[in-house]
Amino acid sequence: SAAFVVGLFIRYFLLPWQIYTQILLYLLLMNLGLGLFNLIPIPPLDGSHILENILPPKTAEKFRSLGRYGPIVIILVVLLDNYAHTGILNAILIYPMFHLGHLFAGDNLWRLLSLLR
């Protein structure tokens, strides 16, 4: 079913291979970015649950009580990064995302990124 649709797409809408590699590169980077963003230890993201299980019980309880402020912190971090150009998201997401992308795609990642510019 999915292979049939892909086969039809390739047969009738065949595009140059560079476009397919660019699409795959974007999908790889988006997937890595979303995964890393989800691992940030701010409630309600999954990273907060991981941190909560690592912390001692009393500290975990205090951390859990701060959970209701998590969405506000996330919004503030994103706004600060966009408008004050703090570079917080670059340090947390972009650099690790490209290093993980290099781990998965090898040297091809840098070559593909040069094609995108």
C-alpha atoms as a PDB file:
ATOM      1  CA  SER A   1       0.000   0.000   0.000  1.00  0.00           C
ATOM      2  CA  ALA A   2       2.614   2.566   1.036  1.00  0.00           C
ATOM      3  CA  ALA A   3       5.126   1.071  -1.371  1.00  0.00           C
ATOM      4  CA  PHE A   4       2.525   1.302  -4.134  1.00  0.00           C
ATOM      5  CA  VAL A   5       1.969   4.999  -3.441  1.00  0.00           C
ATOM      6  CA  VAL A   6       5.706   5.639  -3.332  1.00  0.00           C
ATOM      7  CA  GLY A   7       6.126   3.705  -6.568  1.00  0.00           C
ATOM      8  CA  LEU A   8       3.452   5.799  -8.273  1.00  0.00           C
ATOM      9  CA  PHE A   9       5.032   8.963  -6.950  1.00  0.00           C
ATOM     10  CA  ILE A  10       8.466   7.988  -8.230  1.00  0.00           C
ATOM     11  CA  ARG A  11       7.097   6.876 -11.575  1.00  0.00           C
ATOM     12  CA  TYR A  12       5.002   9.943 -12.350  1.00  0.00           C
ATOM     13  CA  PHE A  13       6.601  12.666 -10.274  1.00  0.00           C
ATOM     14  CA  LEU A  14      10.250  11.710 -10.440  1.00  0.00           C
ATOM     15  CA  LEU A  15      12.370  14.539  -9.165  1.00  0.00           C
ATOM     16  CA  PRO A  16      16.143  14.941  -9.136  1.00  0.00           C
ATOM     17  CA  TRP A  17      17.843  12.924  -6.407  1.00  0.00           C
ATOM     18  CA  GLN A  18      19.065  16.108  -4.689  1.00  0.00           C
ATOM     19  CA  ILE A  19      15.494  16.975  -3.775  1.00  0.00           C
ATOM     20  CA  TYR A  20      14.971  13.578  -2.153  1.00  0.00           C
ATOM     21  CA  THR A  21      18.181  13.913  -0.177  1.00  0.00           C
ATOM     22  CA  GLN A  22      17.174  17.400   0.940  1.00  0.00           C
ATOM     23  CA  ILE A  23      13.778  16.131   2.068  1.00  0.00           C
ATOM     24  CA  LEU A  24      15.401  13.283   3.991  1.00  0.00           C
ATOM     25  CA  LEU A  25      17.894  15.682   5.537  1.00  0.00           C
ATOM     26  CA  TYR A  26      15.121  18.014   6.678  1.00  0.00           C
ATOM     27  CA  LEU A  27      13.177  15.074   8.098  1.00  0.00           C
ATOM     28  CA  LEU A  28      16.274  13.833   9.928  1.00  0.00           C
ATOM     29  CA  LEU A  29      17.024  17.239  11.423  1.00  0.00           C
ATOM     30  CA  MET A  30      13.400  17.890  12.387  1.00  0.00           C
ATOM     31  CA  ASN A  31      13.146  14.500  14.056  1.00  0.00           C
ATOM     32  CA  LEU A  32      16.378  15.040  15.972  1.00  0.00           C
ATOM     33  CA  GLY A  33      15.323  18.562  16.960  1.00  0.00           C
ATOM     34  CA  LEU A  34      11.953  17.442  18.265  1.00  0.00           C
ATOM     35  CA  GLY A  35      13.521  14.541  20.129  1.00  0.00           C
ATOM     36  CA  LEU A  36      16.107  16.765  21.783  1.00  0.00           C
ATOM     37  CA  PHE A  37      13.507  19.416  22.590  1.00  0.00           C
ATOM     38  CA  ASN A  38      11.402  16.756  24.282  1.00  0.00           C
ATOM     39  CA  LEU A  39      14.391  15.767  26.445  1.00  0.00           C
ATOM     40  CA  ILE A  40      14.748  19.243  27.967  1.00  0.00           C
ATOM     41  CA  PRO A  41      14.134  18.787  31.717  1.00  0.00           C
ATOM     42  CA  ILE A  42      11.274  21.281  31.968  1.00  0.00           C
ATOM     43  CA  PRO A  43       7.808  19.981  32.858  1.00  0.00           C
ATOM     44  CA  PRO A  44       5.671  18.797  30.974  1.00  0.00           C
ATOM     45  CA  LEU A  45       8.384  17.528  28.605  1.00  0.00           C
ATOM     46  CA  ASP A  46       9.720  13.982  28.943  1.00  0.00           C
ATOM     47  CA  GLY A  47      13.117  15.170  30.128  1.00  0.00           C
ATOM     48  CA  SER A  48      11.502  16.369  33.344  1.00  0.00           C
ATOM     49  CA  HIS A  49      10.262  12.849  34.073  1.00  0.00           C
ATOM     50  CA  ILE A  50      13.739  11.455  33.501  1.00  0.00           C
ATOM     51  CA  LEU A  51      15.266  14.072  35.807  1.00  0.00           C
ATOM     52  CA  GLU A  52      12.560  13.470  38.394  1.00  0.00           C
ATOM     53  CA  ASN A  53      13.445   9.773  38.543  1.00  0.00           C
ATOM     54  CA  ILE A  54      17.151  10.536  38.923  1.00  0.00           C
ATOM     55  CA  LEU A  55      16.743  13.073  41.745  1.00  0.00           C
ATOM     56  CA  PRO A  56      16.524  12.077  45.415  1.00  0.00           C
ATOM     57  CA  PRO A  57      12.903  11.774  46.663  1.00  0.00           C
ATOM     58  CA  LYS A  58      12.764  15.093  48.551  1.00  0.00           C
ATOM     59  CA  THR A  59      14.330  17.028  45.705  1.00  0.00           C
ATOM     60  CA  ALA A  60      12.077  15.255  43.208  1.00  0.00           C
ATOM     61  CA  GLU A  61       9.035  16.344  45.215  1.00  0.00           C
ATOM     62  CA  LYS A  62      10.190  19.973  45.130  1.00  0.00           C
ATOM     63  CA  PHE A  63      10.872  19.679  41.407  1.00  0.00           C
ATOM     64  CA  ARG A  64       7.419  18.159  40.862  1.00  0.00           C
ATOM     65  CA  SER A  65       5.806  21.072  42.712  1.00  0.00           C
ATOM     66  CA  LEU A  66       7.395  23.482  40.219  1.00  0.00           C
ATOM     67  CA  GLY A  67       5.840  21.582  37.313  1.00  0.00           C
ATOM     68  CA  ARG A  68       2.940  23.960  36.871  1.00  0.00           C
ATOM     69  CA  TYR A  69       5.362  26.713  35.837  1.00  0.00           C
ATOM     70  CA  GLY A  70       6.961  24.579  33.124  1.00  0.00           C
ATOM     71  CA  PRO A  71       4.951  25.825  30.127  1.00  0.00           C
ATOM     72  CA  ILE A  72       5.662  29.420  31.135  1.00  0.00           C
ATOM     73  CA  VAL A  73       9.387  28.663  31.303  1.00  0.00           C
ATOM     74  CA  ILE A  74       9.294  27.031  27.863  1.00  0.00           C
ATOM     75  CA  ILE A  75       7.518  30.036  26.353  1.00  0.00           C
ATOM     76  CA  LEU A  76       9.981  32.436  28.004  1.00  0.00           C
ATOM     77  CA  VAL A  77      12.986  30.479  26.733  1.00  0.00           C
ATOM     78  CA  VAL A  78      11.646  30.484  23.175  1.00  0.00           C
ATOM     79  CA  LEU A  79      10.737  34.182  23.311  1.00  0.00           C
ATOM     80  CA  LEU A  80      14.089  35.145  24.818  1.00  0.00           C
ATOM     81  CA  ASP A  81      15.909  33.212  22.162  1.00  0.00           C
ATOM     82  CA  ASN A  82      13.892  34.786  19.350  1.00  0.00           C
ATOM     83  CA  TYR A  83      13.795  38.384  20.499  1.00  0.00           C
ATOM     84  CA  ALA A  84      16.822  38.832  22.757  1.00  0.00           C
ATOM     85  CA  HIS A  85      19.059  36.536  20.676  1.00  0.00           C
ATOM     86  CA  THR A  86      20.383  34.759  23.754  1.00  0.00           C
ATOM     87  CA  GLY A  87      21.424  31.607  21.912  1.00  0.00           C
ATOM     88  CA  ILE A  88      19.851  29.340  24.526  1.00  0.00           C
ATOM     89  CA  LEU A  89      18.167  27.115  21.965  1.00  0.00           C
ATOM     90  CA  ASN A  90      21.344  26.968  19.884  1.00  0.00           C
ATOM     91  CA  ALA A  91      23.256  25.617  22.853  1.00  0.00           C
ATOM     92  CA  ILE A  92      20.498  23.225  23.881  1.00  0.00           C
ATOM     93  CA  LEU A  93      19.207  22.041  20.509  1.00  0.00           C
ATOM     94  CA  ILE A  94      21.029  23.127  17.376  1.00  0.00           C
ATOM     95  CA  TYR A  95      24.594  22.068  18.174  1.00  0.00           C
ATOM     96  CA  PRO A  96      23.631  18.653  19.581  1.00  0.00           C
ATOM     97  CA  MET A  97      21.192  18.186  16.697  1.00  0.00           C
ATOM     98  CA  PHE A  98      23.905  18.684  14.093  1.00  0.00           C
ATOM     99  CA  HIS A  99      26.345  16.448  15.957  1.00  0.00           C
ATOM    100  CA  LEU A 100      23.750  13.683  16.202  1.00  0.00           C
ATOM    101  CA  GLY A 101      22.898  14.240  12.550  1.00  0.00           C
ATOM    102  CA  HIS A 102      26.562  13.807  11.723  1.00  0.00           C
ATOM    103  CA  LEU A 103      26.566  10.613  13.763  1.00  0.00           C
ATOM    104  CA  PHE A 104      23.626   9.231  11.766  1.00  0.00           C
ATOM    105  CA  ALA A 105      24.422  10.629   8.316  1.00  0.00           C
ATOM    106  CA  GLY A 106      28.216  10.734   8.528  1.00  0.00           C
ATOM    107  CA  ASP A 107      30.135  13.162   6.363  1.00  0.00           C
ATOM    108  CA  ASN A 108      27.180  13.244   3.993  1.00  0.00           C
ATOM    109  CA  LEU A 109      25.386  15.571   6.416  1.00  0.00           C
ATOM    110  CA  TRP A 110      27.896  18.382   5.920  1.00  0.00           C
ATOM    111  CA  ARG A 111      27.904  17.879   2.156  1.00  0.00           C
ATOM    112  CA  LEU A 112      24.103  17.973   2.082  1.00  0.00           C
ATOM    113  CA  LEU A 113      24.016  21.069   4.259  1.00  0.00           C
ATOM    114  CA  SER A 114      26.339  22.834   1.846  1.00  0.00           C
ATOM    115  CA  LEU A 115      23.876  22.007  -0.952  1.00  0.00           C
ATOM    116  CA  LEU A 116      21.040  23.612   0.998  1.00  0.00           C
ATOM    117  CA  ARG A 117      22.763  26.973   1.335  1.00  0.00           C
END
